[in-house]
Structure formats: structure tokens, C-alpha cells
C-alpha atoms as a PDB file:
ATOM      1  CA  MET A   1      78.837 108.968  94.530  1.00  0.00           C
ATOM      2  CA  LYS A   2      75.506 110.153  94.885  1.00  0.00           C
ATOM      3  CA  PRO A   3      74.519 112.674  97.985  1.00  0.00           C
ATOM      4  CA  LEU A   4      72.122 110.378  98.994  1.00  0.00           C
ATOM      5  CA  ALA A   5      74.045 107.472  99.041  1.00  0.00           C
ATOM      6  CA  VAL A   6      76.672 109.089 100.810  1.00  0.00           C
ATOM      7  CA  LEU A   7      73.455 110.313 103.668  1.00  0.00           C
ATOM      8  CA  ARG A   8      72.801 106.942 103.811  1.00  0.00           C
ATOM      9  CA  ASP A   9      76.061 105.788 104.219  1.00  0.00           C
ATOM     10  CA  LEU A  10      76.403 108.056 106.905  1.00  0.00           C
ATOM     11  CA  LEU A  11      72.955 106.869 108.553  1.00  0.00           C
ATOM     12  CA  PHE A  12      74.151 103.753 108.709  1.00  0.00           C
ATOM     13  CA  ALA A  13      77.642 104.427 110.227  1.00  0.00           C
ATOM     14  CA  SER A  14      75.735 106.458 113.026  1.00  0.00           C
ATOM     15  CA  ILE A  15      73.700 103.390 113.813  1.00  0.00           C
ATOM     16  CA  LEU A  16      76.425 101.187 113.890  1.00  0.00           C
ATOM     17  CA  ILE A  17      78.567 103.529 116.390  1.00  0.00           C
ATOM     18  CA  GLY A  18      77.184 101.742 119.502  1.00  0.00           C
ATOM     19  CA  ALA A  19      78.814  98.600 118.515  1.00  0.00           C
ATOM     20  CA  MET A  20      81.973  99.958 116.953  1.00  0.00           C
ATOM     21  CA  SER A  21      83.069 103.041 119.034  1.00  0.00           C
ATOM     22  CA  GLY A  22      85.826 102.169 121.275  1.00  0.00           C
ATOM     23  CA  THR A  23      84.557 102.370 125.096  1.00  0.00           C
ATOM     24  CA  ALA A  24      87.124 101.925 127.814  1.00  0.00           C
ATOM     25  CA  HIS A  25      87.596 100.315 130.763  1.00  0.00           C
ATOM     26  CA  ALA A  26      89.576  98.709 133.595  1.00  0.00           C
ATOM     27  CA  PHE A  27      92.545 101.054 133.683  1.00  0.00           C
ATOM     28  CA  GLU A  28      94.986 100.001 135.961  1.00  0.00           C
ATOM     29  CA  ILE A  29      98.728 101.409 136.831  1.00  0.00           C
ATOM     30  CA  TRP A  30     101.911  99.260 137.190  1.00  0.00           C
ATOM     31  CA  ASP A  31     104.545 100.108 139.557  1.00  0.00           C
ATOM     32  CA  GLU A  32     107.155  97.351 138.845  1.00  0.00           C
ATOM     33  CA  HIS A  33     107.685  97.209 135.364  1.00  0.00           C
ATOM     34  CA  PRO A  34     111.221  96.598 134.496  1.00  0.00           C
ATOM     35  CA  SER A  35     111.836 100.326 132.970  1.00  0.00           C
ATOM     36  CA  GLY A  36     111.405 101.617 136.247  1.00  0.00           C
ATOM     37  CA  GLU A  37     108.449 103.746 134.849  1.00  0.00           C
ATOM     38  CA  LEU A  38     104.898 103.777 135.593  1.00  0.00           C
ATOM     39  CA  HIS A  39     103.209 101.800 133.195  1.00  0.00           C
ATOM     40  CA  GLN A  40      99.036 102.104 132.406  1.00  0.00           C
ATOM     41  CA  TYR A  41      96.619 100.126 130.908  1.00  0.00           C
ATOM     42  CA  MET A  42      93.322 100.110 130.048  1.00  0.00           C
ATOM     43  CA  VAL A  43      90.742  97.590 128.147  1.00  0.00           C
ATOM     44  CA  VAL A  44      89.193  99.075 124.447  1.00  0.00           C
ATOM     45  CA  TYR A  45      86.103  97.023 123.493  1.00  0.00           C
ATOM     46  CA  PHE A  46      86.271  97.748 120.191  1.00  0.00           C
ATOM     47  CA  GLN A  47      85.135  95.506 116.999  1.00  0.00           C
ATOM     48  CA  GLY A  48      87.781  96.411 113.904  1.00  0.00           C
ATOM     49  CA  THR A  49      91.360  95.405 112.258  1.00  0.00           C
ATOM     50  CA  TRP A  50      94.351  95.569 113.993  1.00  0.00           C
ATOM     51  CA  SER A  51      95.116  98.511 111.739  1.00  0.00           C
ATOM     52  CA  GLU A  52      92.068 100.108 112.704  1.00  0.00           C
ATOM     53  CA  ALA A  53      92.613  99.186 116.331  1.00  0.00           C
ATOM     54  CA  ASN A  54      96.220 100.399 115.485  1.00  0.00           C
ATOM     55  CA  GLU A  55      94.811 103.917 114.891  1.00  0.00           C
ATOM     56  CA  ALA A  56      92.512 104.023 116.695  1.00  0.00           C
ATOM     57  CA  VAL A  57      94.595 103.966 120.146  1.00  0.00           C
ATOM     58  CA  SER A  58      96.691 106.217 118.417  1.00  0.00           C
ATOM     59  CA  LEU A  59      93.711 109.255 118.096  1.00  0.00           C
ATOM     60  CA  ILE A  60      93.682 108.955 122.171  1.00  0.00           C
ATOM     61  CA  ASP A  61      95.016 111.974 124.110  1.00  0.00           C
ATOM     62  CA  GLY A  62      97.832 110.873 126.351  1.00  0.00           C
ATOM     63  CA  GLY A  63     100.758 108.538 124.268  1.00  0.00           C
ATOM     64  CA  TRP A  64      98.608 105.715 124.208  1.00  0.00           C
ATOM     65  CA  HIS A  65      99.711 102.835 121.652  1.00  0.00           C
ATOM     66  CA  LEU A  66      98.267  99.317 121.530  1.00  0.00           C
ATOM     67  CA  ALA A  67      99.913  96.992 124.294  1.00  0.00           C
ATOM     68  CA  THR A  68     103.033  95.467 124.299  1.00  0.00           C
ATOM     69  CA  ILE A  69     104.118  92.668 126.764  1.00  0.00           C
ATOM     70  CA  THR A  70     108.079  91.961 127.375  1.00  0.00           C
ATOM     71  CA  SER A  71     108.206  90.153 130.591  1.00  0.00           C
ATOM     72  CA  ALA A  72     106.679  87.120 132.252  1.00  0.00           C
ATOM     73  CA  ALA A  73     106.121  89.759 135.040  1.00  0.00           C
ATOM     74  CA  GLU A  74     103.949  92.065 132.736  1.00  0.00           C
ATOM     75  CA  GLN A  75     101.991  89.420 130.656  1.00  0.00           C
ATOM     76  CA  SER A  76     100.870  88.659 134.473  1.00  0.00           C
ATOM     77  CA  PHE A  77     100.036  92.218 135.408  1.00  0.00           C
ATOM     78  CA  ILE A  78      97.840  92.493 132.475  1.00  0.00           C
ATOM     79  CA  GLU A  79      95.841  88.953 133.077  1.00  0.00           C
ATOM     80  CA  ASN A  80      95.257  89.441 137.151  1.00  0.00           C
ATOM     81  CA  SER A  81      94.461  92.932 136.695  1.00  0.00           C
ATOM     82  CA  LEU A  82      92.630  94.001 133.696  1.00  0.00           C
ATOM     83  CA  PHE A  83      90.481  90.414 133.099  1.00  0.00           C
ATOM     84  CA  SER A  84      89.525  89.651 137.191  1.00  0.00           C
ATOM     85  CA  PRO A  85      86.525  88.662 138.143  1.00  0.00           C
ATOM     86  CA  GLU A  86      86.601  90.564 140.621  1.00  0.00           C
ATOM     87  CA  GLY A  87      84.274  93.436 141.229  1.00  0.00           C
ATOM     88  CA  ASP A  88      84.919  96.568 138.376  1.00  0.00           C
ATOM     89  CA  LYS A  89      88.051  95.337 137.366  1.00  0.00           C
ATOM     90  CA  TYR A  90      86.132  92.641 135.392  1.00  0.00           C
ATOM     91  CA  SER A  91      86.297  92.667 131.552  1.00  0.00           C
ATOM     92  CA  ARG A  92      84.991  90.683 129.012  1.00  0.00           C
ATOM     93  CA  LEU A  93      86.364  87.517 128.261  1.00  0.00           C
ATOM     94  CA  GLY A  94      87.685  87.166 124.179  1.00  0.00           C
ATOM     95  CA  LYS A  95      90.234  87.879 121.857  1.00  0.00           C
ATOM     96  CA  TYR A  96      92.282  91.088 122.082  1.00  0.00           C
ATOM     97  CA  TRP A  97      94.753  93.141 119.774  1.00  0.00           C
ATOM     98  CA  LEU A  98      97.630  93.510 120.835  1.00  0.00           C
ATOM     99  CA  GLY A  99     100.991  95.640 119.503  1.00  0.00           C
ATOM    100  CA  ALA A 100     102.636  94.016 117.170  1.00  0.00           C
ATOM    101  CA  TRP A 101     102.824  92.458 113.450  1.00  0.00           C
ATOM    102  CA  GLN A 102     104.793  90.359 111.879  1.00  0.00           C
ATOM    103  CA  ASP A 103     107.312  90.912 108.555  1.00  0.00           C
ATOM    104  CA  ALA A 104     105.656  89.802 105.205  1.00  0.00           C
ATOM    105  CA  ASP A 105     109.105  88.204 104.678  1.00  0.00           C
ATOM    106  CA  ALA A 106     109.892  86.376 107.628  1.00  0.00           C
ATOM    107  CA  ALA A 107     111.446  82.473 107.295  1.00  0.00           C
ATOM    108  CA  ASN A 108     109.057  81.043 109.914  1.00  0.00           C
ATOM    109  CA  ALA A 109     105.752  81.928 111.682  1.00  0.00           C
ATOM    110  CA  TYR A 110     108.113  82.782 114.728  1.00  0.00           C
ATOM    111  CA  GLU A 111     110.468  85.484 113.325  1.00  0.00           C
ATOM    112  CA  GLY A 112     110.095  88.575 111.768  1.00  0.00           C
ATOM    113  CA  TRP A 113     107.765  90.070 114.643  1.00  0.00           C
ATOM    114  CA  ASN A 114     108.010  93.954 115.899  1.00  0.00           C
ATOM    115  CA  TRP A 115     106.699  95.771 118.485  1.00  0.00           C
ATOM    116  CA  VAL A 116     104.953  98.679 117.446  1.00  0.00           C
ATOM    117  CA  THR A 117     107.262 100.867 120.318  1.00  0.00           C
ATOM    118  CA  GLY A 118     110.203  99.543 118.825  1.00  0.00           C
ATOM    119  CA  GLU A 119     111.323  97.352 121.974  1.00  0.00           C
ATOM    120  CA  ALA A 120     113.244  94.119 121.346  1.00  0.00           C
ATOM    121  CA  TRP A 121     111.436  91.462 120.699  1.00  0.00           C
ATOM    122  CA  ASP A 122     112.974  88.836 123.559  1.00  0.00           C
ATOM    123  CA  TYR A 123     109.689  87.398 125.606  1.00  0.00           C
ATOM    124  CA  THR A 124     106.902  85.876 123.673  1.00  0.00           C
ATOM    125  CA  ASN A 125     103.945  83.813 125.107  1.00  0.00           C
ATOM    126  CA  TRP A 126     102.916  81.435 122.224  1.00  0.00           C
ATOM    127  CA  ASP A 127      99.774  79.343 122.207  1.00  0.00           C
ATOM    128  CA  SER A 128     101.501  75.461 121.656  1.00  0.00           C
ATOM    129  CA  ASN A 129      98.899  75.477 118.835  1.00  0.00           C
ATOM    130  CA  PHE A 130      99.695  78.684 117.422  1.00  0.00           C
ATOM    131  CA  ASP A 131     101.957  78.118 114.333  1.00  0.00           C
ATOM    132  CA  SER A 132      99.625  74.787 113.757  1.00  0.00           C
ATOM    133  CA  ASP A 133      98.625  76.632 110.189  1.00  0.00           C
ATOM    134  CA  GLY A 134     102.832  77.018 109.382  1.00  0.00           C
ATOM    135  CA  LEU A 135     103.639  80.340 108.343  1.00  0.00           C
ATOM    136  CA  SER A 136     101.194  82.426 106.583  1.00  0.00           C
ATOM    137  CA  GLU A 137     101.150  85.859 104.739  1.00  0.00           C
ATOM    138  CA  GLU A 138      97.862  85.955 105.838  1.00  0.00           C
ATOM    139  CA  GLN A 139      98.240  85.941 109.731  1.00  0.00           C
ATOM    140  CA  ARG A 140     100.757  88.776 110.792  1.00  0.00           C
ATOM    141  CA  TRP A 141      98.707  90.593 113.373  1.00  0.00           C
ATOM    142  CA  LEU A 142      99.222  89.366 117.336  1.00  0.00           C
ATOM    143  CA  SER A 143      96.295  88.950 119.631  1.00  0.00           C
ATOM    144  CA  MET A 144      95.715  87.173 123.387  1.00  0.00           C
ATOM    145  CA  HIS A 145      92.453  84.666 123.646  1.00  0.00           C
ATOM    146  CA  GLU A 146      91.365  84.020 127.120  1.00  0.00           C
ATOM    147  CA  ALA A 147      89.909  80.636 125.748  1.00  0.00           C
ATOM    148  CA  MET A 148      93.956  80.374 125.115  1.00  0.00           C
ATOM    149  CA  VAL A 149      94.413  81.249 128.921  1.00  0.00           C
ATOM    150  CA  TRP A 150      95.841  84.659 127.401  1.00  0.00           C
ATOM    151  CA  MET A 151      98.110  83.248 125.448  1.00  0.00           C
ATOM    152  CA  TRP A 152      99.417  84.857 122.117  1.00  0.00           C
ATOM    153  CA  ASP A 153      98.127  83.985 118.614  1.00  0.00           C
ATOM    154  CA  ASP A 154      98.716  85.232 115.159  1.00  0.00           C
ATOM    155  CA  ALA A 155      95.632  86.224 113.557  1.00  0.00           C
ATOM    156  CA  HIS A 156      94.632  87.295 110.351  1.00  0.00           C
ATOM    157  CA  GLU A 157      94.044  91.549 110.141  1.00  0.00           C
ATOM    158  CA  ASP A 158      90.326  91.292 110.486  1.00  0.00           C
ATOM    159  CA  MET A 159      90.788  87.953 112.830  1.00  0.00           C
ATOM    160  CA  GLY A 160      89.197  86.225 109.976  1.00  0.00           C
ATOM    161  CA  ASN A 161      85.987  87.545 110.897  1.00  0.00           C
ATOM    162  CA  VAL A 162      85.815  90.981 112.931  1.00  0.00           C
ATOM    163  CA  ALA A 163      82.524  90.274 114.903  1.00  0.00           C
ATOM    164  CA  ARG A 164      85.405  87.848 117.195  1.00  0.00           C
ATOM    165  CA  VAL A 165      87.432  90.788 117.895  1.00  0.00           C
ATOM    166  CA  THR A 166      86.105  91.706 121.332  1.00  0.00           C
ATOM    167  CA  GLY A 167      88.455  95.115 121.338  1.00  0.00           C
ATOM    168  CA  TYR A 168      92.136  95.607 122.465  1.00  0.00           C
ATOM    169  CA  ILE A 169      94.462  96.689 125.030  1.00  0.00           C
ATOM    170  CA  ALA A 170      96.317 100.164 125.270  1.00  0.00           C
ATOM    171  CA  GLU A 171      99.392 100.972 126.675  1.00  0.00           C
ATOM    172  CA  ARG A 172     101.661 104.173 127.841  1.00  0.00           C
ATOM    173  CA  SER A 173     103.994 104.910 129.979  1.00  0.00           C
ATOM    174  CA  GLY A 174     105.900 107.635 132.199  1.00  0.00           C
ATOM    175  CA  ALA A 175     104.990 111.306 132.890  1.00  0.00           C
ATOM    176  CA  SER A 176     101.717 110.462 130.481  1.00  0.00           C
ATOM    177  CA  VAL A 177     100.074 108.038 133.517  1.00  0.00           C
ATOM    178  CA  GLY A 178      96.904 109.177 134.099  1.00  0.00           C
ATOM    179  CA  VAL A 179      92.950 108.916 133.074  1.00  0.00           C
ATOM    180  CA  PRO A 180      92.250 109.511 129.579  1.00  0.00           C
ATOM    181  CA  GLU A 181      89.167 111.815 128.911  1.00  0.00           C
ATOM    182  CA  PRO A 182      86.021 109.385 127.928  1.00  0.00           C
ATOM    183  CA  ALA A 183      85.008 111.692 125.493  1.00  0.00           C
ATOM    184  CA  SER A 184      87.616 111.724 123.226  1.00  0.00           C
ATOM    185  CA  ILE A 185      87.638 107.965 123.161  1.00  0.00           C
ATOM    186  CA  MET A 186      83.967 108.058 121.946  1.00  0.00           C
ATOM    187  CA  LEU A 187      84.840 110.798 119.185  1.00  0.00           C
ATOM    188  CA  MET A 188      87.541 109.046 118.305  1.00  0.00           C
ATOM    189  CA  GLY A 189      85.761 105.509 117.569  1.00  0.00           C
ATOM    190  CA  LEU A 190      82.686 107.654 116.166  1.00  0.00           C
ATOM    191  CA  GLY A 191      85.368 109.277 113.708  1.00  0.00           C
ATOM    192  CA  LEU A 192      86.753 106.084 112.791  1.00  0.00           C
ATOM    193  CA  VAL A 193      83.493 104.411 112.036  1.00  0.00           C
ATOM    194  CA  LEU A 194      82.258 106.835 109.719  1.00  0.00           C
ATOM    195  CA  LEU A 195      85.979 106.457 107.899  1.00  0.00           C
ATOM    196  CA  ALA A 196      85.937 103.538 107.338  1.00  0.00           C
ATOM    197  CA  ALA A 197      82.299 103.372 105.941  1.00  0.00           C
ATOM    198  CA  PHE A 198      83.262 105.522 103.679  1.00  0.00           C
ATOM    199  CA  ARG A 199      86.243 104.234 102.687  1.00  0.00           C
ATOM    200  CA  ARG A 200      84.048 100.871 101.756  1.00  0.00           C
ATOM    201  CA  ARG A 201      81.879 102.667 100.048  1.00  0.00           C
ATOM    202  CA  VAL A 202      84.251 104.105  97.770  1.00  0.00           C
ATOM    203  CA  TRP A 203      86.109 100.830  97.279  1.00  0.00           C
ATOM    204  CA  ASN A 204      82.924  98.783  96.230  1.00  0.00           C
ATOM    205  CA  GLN A 205      82.085 101.447  93.874  1.00  0.00           C
ATOM    206  CA  GLY A 206      85.278 101.861  92.335  1.00  0.00           C
END
């Protein structure tokens, strides 16, 4: 790859930082989790694939991961605290990544789902039409959408169109609960943008 091409790609990536870097909003702590531990949640505005979001959240200091919703009470807390239209709790409406994926060899659209934390898959909040496409090897990543009243949906790894992705919901628990450094989130976003630009450049020229 020519040095000038690399420089051009890095410059282009820097222009995208404002839109692509993760920006945290709406930190909320839940003290009624069934586990008995404090759980903290935040919305991160981030346009990217599920894998990129999963990588991004792992780089935030403090034990964050994509949110795993394991009860109706937890689902209700996230809906009503992170996405309340009141004051500074308001977050952008849209589609958000959650922390689950489906095995490629699942027998049907409802089976073979896994939380990133390894927790039991015994609660679901599927939209009534989520499996209208049938079992698809390309729709194996979990999201939820305000247009579906925050019901869950199976999605393509890049949502089919990354411009439709608003961000992801992050979660952490236990002794790590606190407030992350905003700078760490911004630097993480910058690094992922540059990495993605480099990977795509190499792949396109491969």
C-alpha cells in the first residue's frame, strides 16, 4: 500500500470520528437486580457492526460489556431509565445492540442464543414479527428498537445498513459500578475507527 494512500485513509477516518466514536450518555444504576449486586447501564452512541460494538465496549475501563437483559424487571428498568423523555435522561431513539448472538447451526429462530456473559437464556422479549424472515444465518445478533416499543429483534451483523444503528447499551455490575472516564470512551472510538478503516483498505486491495 502506498504511503499517500495510508495518509489519505487516516485523514478520512479522522473526519469520521465525530460520527463514529462512542459517546456515552444516560448513566443509570439499578439496585434491584435479582443477583443482589448493583448494576449500571449506559447508552453509547456508536455506528458500527455488532462485533465492533462488542469490541468497543470491552475497551472501556471498568468491566463493561454489551447489556444482557435477563428479566422483565431489567427490561423495564432499561426502557424507563435510559430512554425516558424527561430531562437529561433522554437518549436518542433508534436501534441499539444488546449482548447476545445466535449459534450458526441453530435449529430455528428462537433457539441457540447466547449472552456474552454466559448467563442463562431463560428470558426473552421478542417482537411478535421478529422471525418473519425465518431462520437466517445472517440475522444472528440481538438488537432492540424503539419503533418496536423496545422489543427485541434478530439482526444482520451490520443491521443490513450501519447508518440505521444508533448505538449500543452497555452494562457492568458489582464493585466496578461507578462512572467511566469520558476520555477513555472517545479514545476507544478513535482507535476503532482507524482500525476499521485500515482493515477495509487492506481487504479492498487484497
